[in-house]
Amino acid sequence: MGIWGLDIYDDDLAMDIKREFEEYLEQGMDENEALEEVIFNNDSLLEEVEECGTFILVLGVLLKENQITNSKIDKLLRELKNNKEYWNYVRDNSNDLYESRMDLLKELI
């Protein structure tokens, strides 16, 4: 993981996802279309224990930042809450990161 801090955007993957979303907006897509395109192009991340949480949390942050709703992302956030494999992975690597990401998830749900 290319992580250098506790903020969600202190992560290479998170920055890549945000940048991709912003590029779709610049191409004229609305926020929901852009998010759907990001999900479509990166759905393999949902299968990767190390990356799925970051991907889902960034999607949730983008929803919140853009004041939009998306039932697919809401469902992914709820499922992430119970993804013990991801949370154990994060906690094993950094308890501070675990707490930061868990706090973010609570804000987004």
PDB file of N, CA and C in Angstrom:
ATOM      1  N   MET A   1       0.848  -1.184   0.000  1.00  0.00           N
ATOM      2  CA  MET A   1       0.000   0.000   0.000  1.00  0.00           C
ATOM      3  C   MET A   1       0.884   1.235   0.000  1.00  0.00           C
ATOM      4  N   GLY A   2       0.556   2.188  -0.837  1.00  0.00           N
ATOM      5  CA  GLY A   2       1.263   3.450  -0.860  1.00  0.00           C
ATOM      6  C   GLY A   2       0.561   4.447   0.040  1.00  0.00           C
ATOM      7  N   ILE A   3       0.730   4.277   1.334  1.00  0.00           N
ATOM      8  CA  ILE A   3       0.045   5.124   2.312  1.00  0.00           C
ATOM      9  C   ILE A   3       1.093   5.892   3.098  1.00  0.00           C
ATOM     10  N   TRP A   4       0.907   7.198   3.238  1.00  0.00           N
ATOM     11  CA  TRP A   4       1.885   8.007   3.964  1.00  0.00           C
ATOM     12  C   TRP A   4       1.274   8.772   5.127  1.00  0.00           C
ATOM     13  N   GLY A   5      -0.002   8.568   5.389  1.00  0.00           N
ATOM     14  CA  GLY A   5      -0.655   9.246   6.507  1.00  0.00           C
ATOM     15  C   GLY A   5      -1.987   8.598   6.808  1.00  0.00           C
ATOM     16  N   LEU A   6      -2.759   9.228   7.683  1.00  0.00           N
ATOM     17  CA  LEU A   6      -4.022   8.646   8.117  1.00  0.00           C
ATOM     18  C   LEU A   6      -5.230   9.140   7.338  1.00  0.00           C
ATOM     19  N   ASP A   7      -5.116  10.265   6.649  1.00  0.00           N
ATOM     20  CA  ASP A   7      -6.225  10.770   5.859  1.00  0.00           C
ATOM     21  C   ASP A   7      -6.475   9.827   4.680  1.00  0.00           C
ATOM     22  N   ILE A   8      -7.718   9.691   4.269  1.00  0.00           N
ATOM     23  CA  ILE A   8      -8.030   8.782   3.165  1.00  0.00           C
ATOM     24  C   ILE A   8      -7.246   9.142   1.907  1.00  0.00           C
ATOM     25  N   TYR A   9      -7.000  10.425   1.690  1.00  0.00           N
ATOM     26  CA  TYR A   9      -6.259  10.827   0.493  1.00  0.00           C
ATOM     27  C   TYR A   9      -4.741  10.809   0.687  1.00  0.00           C
ATOM     28  N   ASP A  10      -4.276  10.286   1.818  1.00  0.00           N
ATOM     29  CA  ASP A  10      -2.852  10.023   2.025  1.00  0.00           C
ATOM     30  C   ASP A  10      -2.545   8.601   1.561  1.00  0.00           C
ATOM     31  N   ASP A  11      -3.042   8.272   0.387  1.00  0.00           N
ATOM     32  CA  ASP A  11      -2.999   6.908  -0.130  1.00  0.00           C
ATOM     33  C   ASP A  11      -2.975   6.995  -1.661  1.00  0.00           C
ATOM     34  N   ASP A  12      -2.011   6.331  -2.276  1.00  0.00           N
ATOM     35  CA  ASP A  12      -1.888   6.374  -3.738  1.00  0.00           C
ATOM     36  C   ASP A  12      -3.162   5.929  -4.441  1.00  0.00           C
ATOM     37  N   LEU A  13      -3.751   4.831  -3.989  1.00  0.00           N
ATOM     38  CA  LEU A  13      -4.966   4.328  -4.628  1.00  0.00           C
ATOM     39  C   LEU A  13      -6.096   5.341  -4.508  1.00  0.00           C
ATOM     40  N   ALA A  14      -6.258   5.918  -3.340  1.00  0.00           N
ATOM     41  CA  ALA A  14      -7.325   6.903  -3.132  1.00  0.00           C
ATOM     42  C   ALA A  14      -7.151   8.100  -4.061  1.00  0.00           C
ATOM     43  N   MET A  15      -5.932   8.561  -4.205  1.00  0.00           N
ATOM     44  CA  MET A  15      -5.667   9.692  -5.101  1.00  0.00           C
ATOM     45  C   MET A  15      -5.967   9.322  -6.552  1.00  0.00           C
ATOM     46  N   ASP A  16      -5.622   8.097  -6.942  1.00  0.00           N
ATOM     47  CA  ASP A  16      -5.909   7.651  -8.308  1.00  0.00           C
ATOM     48  C   ASP A  16      -7.410   7.609  -8.572  1.00  0.00           C
ATOM     49  N   ILE A  17      -8.175   7.110  -7.620  1.00  0.00           N
ATOM     50  CA  ILE A  17      -9.629   7.019  -7.774  1.00  0.00           C
ATOM     51  C   ILE A  17     -10.233   8.421  -7.853  1.00  0.00           C
ATOM     52  N   LYS A  18      -9.799   9.305  -6.988  1.00  0.00           N
ATOM     53  CA  LYS A  18     -10.315  10.678  -7.004  1.00  0.00           C
ATOM     54  C   LYS A  18      -9.987  11.362  -8.334  1.00  0.00           C
ATOM     55  N   ARG A  19      -8.766  11.174  -8.800  1.00  0.00           N
ATOM     56  CA  ARG A  19      -8.338  11.779 -10.064  1.00  0.00           C
ATOM     57  C   ARG A  19      -9.176  11.246 -11.229  1.00  0.00           C
ATOM     58  N   GLU A  20      -9.430   9.947 -11.233  1.00  0.00           N
ATOM     59  CA  GLU A  20     -10.251   9.355 -12.294  1.00  0.00           C
ATOM     60  C   GLU A  20     -11.658   9.954 -12.270  1.00  0.00           C
ATOM     61  N   PHE A  21     -12.236  10.080 -11.082  1.00  0.00           N
ATOM     62  CA  PHE A  21     -13.559  10.684 -10.928  1.00  0.00           C
ATOM     63  C   PHE A  21     -13.569  12.111 -11.482  1.00  0.00           C
ATOM     64  N   GLU A  22     -12.563  12.889 -11.115  1.00  0.00           N
ATOM     65  CA  GLU A  22     -12.479  14.278 -11.573  1.00  0.00           C
ATOM     66  C   GLU A  22     -12.316  14.367 -13.088  1.00  0.00           C
ATOM     67  N   GLU A  23     -11.587  13.427 -13.674  1.00  0.00           N
ATOM     68  CA  GLU A  23     -11.426  13.412 -15.132  1.00  0.00           C
ATOM     69  C   GLU A  23     -12.764  13.180 -15.823  1.00  0.00           C
ATOM     70  N   TYR A  24     -13.582  12.299 -15.276  1.00  0.00           N
ATOM     71  CA  TYR A  24     -14.907  12.057 -15.863  1.00  0.00           C
ATOM     72  C   TYR A  24     -15.790  13.294 -15.750  1.00  0.00           C
ATOM     73  N   LEU A  25     -15.676  14.009 -14.643  1.00  0.00           N
ATOM     74  CA  LEU A  25     -16.443  15.253 -14.506  1.00  0.00           C
ATOM     75  C   LEU A  25     -16.006  16.261 -15.564  1.00  0.00           C
ATOM     76  N   GLU A  26     -14.693  16.358 -15.781  1.00  0.00           N
ATOM     77  CA  GLU A  26     -14.168  17.277 -16.792  1.00  0.00           C
ATOM     78  C   GLU A  26     -14.631  16.901 -18.198  1.00  0.00           C
ATOM     79  N   GLN A  27     -14.923  15.618 -18.415  1.00  0.00           N
ATOM     80  CA  GLN A  27     -15.413  15.155 -19.715  1.00  0.00           C
ATOM     81  C   GLN A  27     -16.908  15.431 -19.894  1.00  0.00           C
ATOM     82  N   GLY A  28     -17.548  15.951 -18.852  1.00  0.00           N
ATOM     83  CA  GLY A  28     -18.953  16.309 -18.961  1.00  0.00           C
ATOM     84  C   GLY A  28     -19.933  15.373 -18.290  1.00  0.00           C
ATOM     85  N   MET A  29     -19.444  14.327 -17.646  1.00  0.00           N
ATOM     86  CA  MET A  29     -20.347  13.431 -16.926  1.00  0.00           C
ATOM     87  C   MET A  29     -20.851  14.121 -15.669  1.00  0.00           C
ATOM     88  N   ASP A  30     -22.065  13.751 -15.217  1.00  0.00           N
ATOM     89  CA  ASP A  30     -22.499  14.239 -13.913  1.00  0.00           C
ATOM     90  C   ASP A  30     -21.864  13.340 -12.845  1.00  0.00           C
ATOM     91  N   GLU A  31     -22.033  13.709 -11.586  1.00  0.00           N
ATOM     92  CA  GLU A  31     -21.347  13.008 -10.499  1.00  0.00           C
ATOM     93  C   GLU A  31     -21.707  11.527 -10.438  1.00  0.00           C
ATOM     94  N   ASN A  32     -22.995  11.195 -10.568  1.00  0.00           N
ATOM     95  CA  ASN A  32     -23.386   9.784 -10.507  1.00  0.00           C
ATOM     96  C   ASN A  32     -22.837   8.990 -11.681  1.00  0.00           C
ATOM     97  N   GLU A  33     -22.865   9.569 -12.868  1.00  0.00           N
ATOM     98  CA  GLU A  33     -22.294   8.881 -14.034  1.00  0.00           C
ATOM     99  C   GLU A  33     -20.799   8.636 -13.827  1.00  0.00           C
ATOM    100  N   ALA A  34     -20.115   9.637 -13.304  1.00  0.00           N
ATOM    101  CA  ALA A  34     -18.679   9.515 -13.065  1.00  0.00           C
ATOM    102  C   ALA A  34     -18.389   8.421 -12.041  1.00  0.00           C
ATOM    103  N   LEU A  35     -19.175   8.379 -10.967  1.00  0.00           N
ATOM    104  CA  LEU A  35     -18.977   7.338  -9.959  1.00  0.00           C
ATOM    105  C   LEU A  35     -19.253   5.956 -10.529  1.00  0.00           C
ATOM    106  N   GLU A  36     -20.301   5.823 -11.310  1.00  0.00           N
ATOM    107  CA  GLU A  36     -20.615   4.527 -11.923  1.00  0.00           C
ATOM    108  C   GLU A  36     -19.479   4.079 -12.841  1.00  0.00           C
ATOM    109  N   GLU A  37     -18.899   5.010 -13.575  1.00  0.00           N
ATOM    110  CA  GLU A  37     -17.779   4.684 -14.466  1.00  0.00           C
ATOM    111  C   GLU A  37     -16.556   4.259 -13.655  1.00  0.00           C
ATOM    112  N   VAL A  38     -16.296   4.948 -12.553  1.00  0.00           N
ATOM    113  CA  VAL A  38     -15.177   4.582 -11.674  1.00  0.00           C
ATOM    114  C   VAL A  38     -15.382   3.166 -11.136  1.00  0.00           C
ATOM    115  N   ILE A  39     -16.589   2.869 -10.684  1.00  0.00           N
ATOM    116  CA  ILE A  39     -16.876   1.528 -10.161  1.00  0.00           C
ATOM    117  C   ILE A  39     -16.687   0.484 -11.259  1.00  0.00           C
ATOM    118  N   PHE A  40     -17.236   0.748 -12.426  1.00  0.00           N
ATOM    119  CA  PHE A  40     -17.132  -0.195 -13.542  1.00  0.00           C
ATOM    120  C   PHE A  40     -15.671  -0.477 -13.893  1.00  0.00           C
ATOM    121  N   ASN A  41     -14.868   0.562 -13.958  1.00  0.00           N
ATOM    122  CA  ASN A  41     -13.467   0.409 -14.362  1.00  0.00           C
ATOM    123  C   ASN A  41     -12.580  -0.207 -13.293  1.00  0.00           C
ATOM    124  N   ASN A  42     -13.037  -0.185 -12.044  1.00  0.00           N
ATOM    125  CA  ASN A  42     -12.191  -0.640 -10.940  1.00  0.00           C
ATOM    126  C   ASN A  42     -12.842  -1.727 -10.102  1.00  0.00           C
ATOM    127  N   ASP A  43     -13.860  -2.397 -10.629  1.00  0.00           N
ATOM    128  CA  ASP A  43     -14.590  -3.362  -9.813  1.00  0.00           C
ATOM    129  C   ASP A  43     -13.721  -4.517  -9.327  1.00  0.00           C
ATOM    130  N   SER A  44     -12.606  -4.781  -9.986  1.00  0.00           N
ATOM    131  CA  SER A  44     -11.705  -5.842  -9.524  1.00  0.00           C
ATOM    132  C   SER A  44     -11.110  -5.510  -8.154  1.00  0.00           C
ATOM    133  N   LEU A  45     -11.051  -4.229  -7.807  1.00  0.00           N
ATOM    134  CA  LEU A  45     -10.536  -3.835  -6.488  1.00  0.00           C
ATOM    135  C   LEU A  45     -11.419  -4.352  -5.362  1.00  0.00           C
ATOM    136  N   LEU A  46     -12.685  -4.575  -5.654  1.00  0.00           N
ATOM    137  CA  LEU A  46     -13.605  -5.076  -4.631  1.00  0.00           C
ATOM    138  C   LEU A  46     -13.254  -6.491  -4.199  1.00  0.00           C
ATOM    139  N   GLU A  47     -12.482  -7.195  -5.003  1.00  0.00           N
ATOM    140  CA  GLU A  47     -12.076  -8.569  -4.698  1.00  0.00           C
ATOM    141  C   GLU A  47     -10.724  -8.631  -3.991  1.00  0.00           C
ATOM    142  N   GLU A  48     -10.033  -7.514  -3.883  1.00  0.00           N
ATOM    143  CA  GLU A  48      -8.699  -7.485  -3.283  1.00  0.00           C
ATOM    144  C   GLU A  48      -8.789  -7.031  -1.830  1.00  0.00           C
ATOM    145  N   VAL A  49      -8.414  -7.914  -0.926  1.00  0.00           N
ATOM    146  CA  VAL A  49      -8.517  -7.608   0.502  1.00  0.00           C
ATOM    147  C   VAL A  49      -7.799  -6.313   0.847  1.00  0.00           C
ATOM    148  N   GLU A  50      -6.611  -6.111   0.305  1.00  0.00           N
ATOM    149  CA  GLU A  50      -5.800  -4.952   0.670  1.00  0.00           C
ATOM    150  C   GLU A  50      -6.361  -3.641   0.133  1.00  0.00           C
ATOM    151  N   GLU A  51      -7.114  -3.693  -0.954  1.00  0.00           N
ATOM    152  CA  GLU A  51      -7.538  -2.471  -1.638  1.00  0.00           C
ATOM    153  C   GLU A  51      -9.024  -2.158  -1.526  1.00  0.00           C
ATOM    154  N   CYS A  52      -9.850  -3.160  -1.240  1.00  0.00           N
ATOM    155  CA  CYS A  52     -11.302  -2.958  -1.305  1.00  0.00           C
ATOM    156  C   CYS A  52     -11.782  -1.853  -0.374  1.00  0.00           C
ATOM    157  N   GLY A  53     -11.258  -1.805   0.829  1.00  0.00           N
ATOM    158  CA  GLY A  53     -11.709  -0.800   1.786  1.00  0.00           C
ATOM    159  C   GLY A  53     -11.380   0.612   1.349  1.00  0.00           C
ATOM    160  N   THR A  54     -10.169   0.812   0.882  1.00  0.00           N
ATOM    161  CA  THR A  54      -9.783   2.140   0.400  1.00  0.00           C
ATOM    162  C   THR A  54     -10.682   2.560  -0.749  1.00  0.00           C
ATOM    163  N   PHE A  55     -10.910   1.656  -1.684  1.00  0.00           N
ATOM    164  CA  PHE A  55     -11.756   1.949  -2.836  1.00  0.00           C
ATOM    165  C   PHE A  55     -13.161   2.351  -2.391  1.00  0.00           C
ATOM    166  N   ILE A  56     -13.761   1.553  -1.526  1.00  0.00           N
ATOM    167  CA  ILE A  56     -15.126   1.825  -1.068  1.00  0.00           C
ATOM    168  C   ILE A  56     -15.185   3.116  -0.258  1.00  0.00           C
ATOM    169  N   LEU A  57     -14.224   3.332   0.621  1.00  0.00           N
ATOM    170  CA  LEU A  57     -14.219   4.557   1.430  1.00  0.00           C
ATOM    171  C   LEU A  57     -14.071   5.800   0.558  1.00  0.00           C
ATOM    172  N   VAL A  58     -13.229   5.737  -0.450  1.00  0.00           N
ATOM    173  CA  VAL A  58     -13.077   6.885  -1.352  1.00  0.00           C
ATOM    174  C   VAL A  58     -14.387   7.154  -2.079  1.00  0.00           C
ATOM    175  N   LEU A  59     -15.052   6.103  -2.540  1.00  0.00           N
ATOM    176  CA  LEU A  59     -16.354   6.294  -3.182  1.00  0.00           C
ATOM    177  C   LEU A  59     -17.322   6.986  -2.228  1.00  0.00           C
ATOM    178  N   GLY A  60     -17.321   6.556  -0.971  1.00  0.00           N
ATOM    179  CA  GLY A  60     -18.187   7.179   0.027  1.00  0.00           C
ATOM    180  C   GLY A  60     -17.841   8.633   0.274  1.00  0.00           C
ATOM    181  N   VAL A  61     -16.567   8.940   0.334  1.00  0.00           N
ATOM    182  CA  VAL A  61     -16.135  10.328   0.530  1.00  0.00           C
ATOM    183  C   VAL A  61     -16.546  11.182  -0.671  1.00  0.00           C
ATOM    184  N   LEU A  62     -16.397  10.644  -1.866  1.00  0.00           N
ATOM    185  CA  LEU A  62     -16.804  11.389  -3.061  1.00  0.00           C
ATOM    186  C   LEU A  62     -18.310  11.657  -3.055  1.00  0.00           C
ATOM    187  N   LEU A  63     -19.088  10.691  -2.581  1.00  0.00           N
ATOM    188  CA  LEU A  63     -20.535  10.923  -2.439  1.00  0.00           C
ATOM    189  C   LEU A  63     -20.794  12.099  -1.513  1.00  0.00           C
ATOM    190  N   LYS A  64     -20.150  12.042  -0.356  1.00  0.00           N
ATOM    191  CA  LYS A  64     -20.364  13.078   0.662  1.00  0.00           C
ATOM    192  C   LYS A  64     -19.880  14.441   0.171  1.00  0.00           C
ATOM    193  N   GLU A  65     -18.690  14.484  -0.407  1.00  0.00           N
ATOM    194  CA  GLU A  65     -18.127  15.750  -0.882  1.00  0.00           C
ATOM    195  C   GLU A  65     -18.992  16.395  -1.959  1.00  0.00           C
ATOM    196  N   ASN A  66     -19.639  15.572  -2.765  1.00  0.00           N
ATOM    197  CA  ASN A  66     -20.444  16.083  -3.878  1.00  0.00           C
ATOM    198  C   ASN A  66     -21.933  16.121  -3.560  1.00  0.00           C
ATOM    199  N   GLN A  67     -22.273  15.794  -2.320  1.00  0.00           N
ATOM    200  CA  GLN A  67     -23.653  15.847  -1.825  1.00  0.00           C
ATOM    201  C   GLN A  67     -24.620  15.116  -2.746  1.00  0.00           C
ATOM    202  N   ILE A  68     -24.267  13.872  -3.073  1.00  0.00           N
ATOM    203  CA  ILE A  68     -25.123  13.043  -3.909  1.00  0.00           C
ATOM    204  C   ILE A  68     -25.400  11.724  -3.197  1.00  0.00           C
ATOM    205  N   THR A  69     -26.348  10.973  -3.712  1.00  0.00           N
ATOM    206  CA  THR A  69     -26.655   9.658  -3.167  1.00  0.00           C
ATOM    207  C   THR A  69     -26.469   8.610  -4.252  1.00  0.00           C
ATOM    208  N   ASN A  70     -26.112   7.412  -3.819  1.00  0.00           N
ATOM    209  CA  ASN A  70     -25.920   6.306  -4.743  1.00  0.00           C
ATOM    210  C   ASN A  70     -26.129   5.026  -3.939  1.00  0.00           C
ATOM    211  N   SER A  71     -27.195   4.306  -4.223  1.00  0.00           N
ATOM    212  CA  SER A  71     -27.548   3.123  -3.431  1.00  0.00           C
ATOM    213  C   SER A  71     -26.493   2.025  -3.532  1.00  0.00           C
ATOM    214  N   LYS A  72     -25.825   1.903  -4.672  1.00  0.00           N
ATOM    215  CA  LYS A  72     -24.785   0.888  -4.831  1.00  0.00           C
ATOM    216  C   LYS A  72     -23.623   1.159  -3.869  1.00  0.00           C
ATOM    217  N   ILE A  73     -23.217   2.412  -3.776  1.00  0.00           N
ATOM    218  CA  ILE A  73     -22.110   2.759  -2.883  1.00  0.00           C
ATOM    219  C   ILE A  73     -22.550   2.651  -1.432  1.00  0.00           C
ATOM    220  N   ASP A  74     -23.772   3.037  -1.131  1.00  0.00           N
ATOM    221  CA  ASP A  74     -24.287   2.873   0.232  1.00  0.00           C
ATOM    222  C   ASP A  74     -24.236   1.404   0.650  1.00  0.00           C
ATOM    223  N   LYS A  75     -24.601   0.518  -0.263  1.00  0.00           N
ATOM    224  CA  LYS A  75     -24.566  -0.924   0.015  1.00  0.00           C
ATOM    225  C   LYS A  75     -23.128  -1.391   0.233  1.00  0.00           C
ATOM    226  N   LEU A  76     -22.204  -0.926  -0.604  1.00  0.00           N
ATOM    227  CA  LEU A  76     -20.795  -1.293  -0.442  1.00  0.00           C
ATOM    228  C   LEU A  76     -20.258  -0.836   0.913  1.00  0.00           C
ATOM    229  N   LEU A  77     -20.650   0.348   1.349  1.00  0.00           N
ATOM    230  CA  LEU A  77     -20.210   0.852   2.655  1.00  0.00           C
ATOM    231  C   LEU A  77     -20.737  -0.032   3.780  1.00  0.00           C
ATOM    232  N   ARG A  78     -21.997  -0.431   3.705  1.00  0.00           N
ATOM    233  CA  ARG A  78     -22.570  -1.308   4.738  1.00  0.00           C
ATOM    234  C   ARG A  78     -21.864  -2.665   4.750  1.00  0.00           C
ATOM    235  N   GLU A  79     -21.565  -3.190   3.576  1.00  0.00           N
ATOM    236  CA  GLU A  79     -20.860  -4.472   3.491  1.00  0.00           C
ATOM    237  C   GLU A  79     -19.438  -4.360   4.027  1.00  0.00           C
ATOM    238  N   LEU A  80     -18.798  -3.231   3.786  1.00  0.00           N
ATOM    239  CA  LEU A  80     -17.434  -3.028   4.277  1.00  0.00           C
ATOM    240  C   LEU A  80     -17.385  -3.096   5.797  1.00  0.00           C
ATOM    241  N   LYS A  81     -18.401  -2.585   6.427  1.00  0.00           N
ATOM    242  CA  LYS A  81     -18.447  -2.596   7.898  1.00  0.00           C
ATOM    243  C   LYS A  81     -18.246  -4.007   8.444  1.00  0.00           C
ATOM    244  N   ASN A  82     -18.751  -5.009   7.740  1.00  0.00           N
ATOM    245  CA  ASN A  82     -18.680  -6.396   8.207  1.00  0.00           C
ATOM    246  C   ASN A  82     -17.573  -7.208   7.545  1.00  0.00           C
ATOM    247  N   ASN A  83     -16.693  -6.562   6.803  1.00  0.00           N
ATOM    248  CA  ASN A  83     -15.618  -7.266   6.110  1.00  0.00           C
ATOM    249  C   ASN A  83     -14.447  -7.469   7.066  1.00  0.00           C
ATOM    250  N   LYS A  84     -14.526  -8.515   7.859  1.00  0.00           N
ATOM    251  CA  LYS A  84     -13.511  -8.781   8.885  1.00  0.00           C
ATOM    252  C   LYS A  84     -12.115  -8.976   8.292  1.00  0.00           C
ATOM    253  N   GLU A  85     -12.051  -9.585   7.129  1.00  0.00           N
ATOM    254  CA  GLU A  85     -10.754  -9.824   6.499  1.00  0.00           C
ATOM    255  C   GLU A  85     -10.035  -8.502   6.208  1.00  0.00           C
ATOM    256  N   TYR A  86     -10.761  -7.528   5.666  1.00  0.00           N
ATOM    257  CA  TYR A  86     -10.158  -6.221   5.394  1.00  0.00           C
ATOM    258  C   TYR A  86      -9.734  -5.536   6.688  1.00  0.00           C
ATOM    259  N   TRP A  87     -10.635  -5.504   7.669  1.00  0.00           N
ATOM    260  CA  TRP A  87     -10.335  -4.785   8.911  1.00  0.00           C
ATOM    261  C   TRP A  87      -9.185  -5.431   9.669  1.00  0.00           C
ATOM    262  N   ASN A  88      -9.098  -6.753   9.655  1.00  0.00           N
ATOM    263  CA  ASN A  88      -7.964  -7.425  10.289  1.00  0.00           C
ATOM    264  C   ASN A  88      -6.667  -7.087   9.565  1.00  0.00           C
ATOM    265  N   TYR A  89      -6.724  -7.035   8.245  1.00  0.00           N
ATOM    266  CA  TYR A  89      -5.547  -6.675   7.456  1.00  0.00           C
ATOM    267  C   TYR A  89      -5.056  -5.273   7.831  1.00  0.00           C
ATOM    268  N   VAL A  90      -5.965  -4.311   7.889  1.00  0.00           N
ATOM    269  CA  VAL A  90      -5.587  -2.932   8.215  1.00  0.00           C
ATOM    270  C   VAL A  90      -5.035  -2.856   9.631  1.00  0.00           C
ATOM    271  N   ARG A  91      -5.722  -3.484  10.583  1.00  0.00           N
ATOM    272  CA  ARG A  91      -5.278  -3.429  11.978  1.00  0.00           C
ATOM    273  C   ARG A  91      -3.907  -4.072  12.140  1.00  0.00           C
ATOM    274  N   ASP A  92      -3.661  -5.180  11.433  1.00  0.00           N
ATOM    275  CA  ASP A  92      -2.357  -5.845  11.523  1.00  0.00           C
ATOM    276  C   ASP A  92      -1.229  -4.960  11.005  1.00  0.00           C
ATOM    277  N   ASN A  93      -1.536  -4.072  10.060  1.00  0.00           N
ATOM    278  CA  ASN A  93      -0.523  -3.181   9.498  1.00  0.00           C
ATOM    279  C   ASN A  93      -0.351  -1.895  10.283  1.00  0.00           C
ATOM    280  N   SER A  94      -1.449  -1.358  10.832  1.00  0.00           N
ATOM    281  CA  SER A  94      -1.371  -0.098  11.575  1.00  0.00           C
ATOM    282  C   SER A  94      -2.654   0.116  12.366  1.00  0.00           C
ATOM    283  N   ASN A  95      -2.531   0.105  13.670  1.00  0.00           N
ATOM    284  CA  ASN A  95      -3.703   0.339  14.509  1.00  0.00           C
ATOM    285  C   ASN A  95      -4.239   1.758  14.319  1.00  0.00           C
ATOM    286  N   ASP A  96      -3.347   2.725  14.127  1.00  0.00           N
ATOM    287  CA  ASP A  96      -3.790   4.106  13.896  1.00  0.00           C
ATOM    288  C   ASP A  96      -4.581   4.219  12.597  1.00  0.00           C
ATOM    289  N   LEU A  97      -4.106   3.558  11.551  1.00  0.00           N
ATOM    290  CA  LEU A  97      -4.824   3.579  10.279  1.00  0.00           C
ATOM    291  C   LEU A  97      -6.172   2.877  10.420  1.00  0.00           C
ATOM    292  N   TYR A  98      -6.190   1.773  11.141  1.00  0.00           N
ATOM    293  CA  TYR A  98      -7.442   1.053  11.394  1.00  0.00           C
ATOM    294  C   TYR A  98      -8.464   1.980  12.050  1.00  0.00           C
ATOM    295  N   GLU A  99      -8.047   2.661  13.100  1.00  0.00           N
ATOM    296  CA  GLU A  99      -8.965   3.557  13.811  1.00  0.00           C
ATOM    297  C   GLU A  99      -9.425   4.704  12.917  1.00  0.00           C
ATOM    298  N   SER A 100      -8.520   5.263  12.130  1.00  0.00           N
ATOM    299  CA  SER A 100      -8.859   6.363  11.234  1.00  0.00           C
ATOM    300  C   SER A 100      -9.865   5.923  10.173  1.00  0.00           C
ATOM    301  N   ARG A 101      -9.621   4.771   9.560  1.00  0.00           N
ATOM    302  CA  ARG A 101     -10.527   4.272   8.519  1.00  0.00           C
ATOM    303  C   ARG A 101     -11.874   3.863   9.113  1.00  0.00           C
ATOM    304  N   MET A 102     -11.866   3.283  10.301  1.00  0.00           N
ATOM    305  CA  MET A 102     -13.119   2.897  10.949  1.00  0.00           C
ATOM    306  C   MET A 102     -13.936   4.141  11.290  1.00  0.00           C
ATOM    307  N   ASP A 103     -13.269   5.183  11.786  1.00  0.00           N
ATOM    308  CA  ASP A 103     -13.966   6.448  12.079  1.00  0.00           C
ATOM    309  C   ASP A 103     -14.573   7.037  10.810  1.00  0.00           C
ATOM    310  N   LEU A 104     -13.835   6.979   9.718  1.00  0.00           N
ATOM    311  CA  LEU A 104     -14.346   7.496   8.449  1.00  0.00           C
ATOM    312  C   LEU A 104     -15.573   6.707   8.007  1.00  0.00           C
ATOM    313  N   LEU A 105     -15.503   5.398   8.119  1.00  0.00           N
ATOM    314  CA  LEU A 105     -16.652   4.576   7.736  1.00  0.00           C
ATOM    315  C   LEU A 105     -17.881   4.957   8.552  1.00  0.00           C
ATOM    316  N   LYS A 106     -17.702   5.154   9.838  1.00  0.00           N
ATOM    317  CA  LYS A 106     -18.833   5.541  10.701  1.00  0.00           C
ATOM    318  C   LYS A 106     -19.433   6.868  10.258  1.00  0.00           C
ATOM    319  N   GLU A 107     -18.597   7.794   9.812  1.00  0.00           N
ATOM    320  CA  GLU A 107     -19.093   9.088   9.313  1.00  0.00           C
ATOM    321  C   GLU A 107     -19.905   8.926   8.031  1.00  0.00           C
ATOM    322  N   LEU A 108     -19.536   7.949   7.228  1.00  0.00           N
ATOM    323  CA  LEU A 108     -20.147   7.793   5.909  1.00  0.00           C
ATOM    324  C   LEU A 108     -21.425   6.961   5.916  1.00  0.00           C
ATOM    325  N   ILE A 109     -21.574   6.122   6.922  1.00  0.00           N
ATOM    326  CA  ILE A 109     -22.769   5.251   6.976  1.00  0.00           C
ATOM    327  C   ILE A 109     -23.942   5.996   7.587  1.00  0.00           C
TER     328      ILE A 109
END
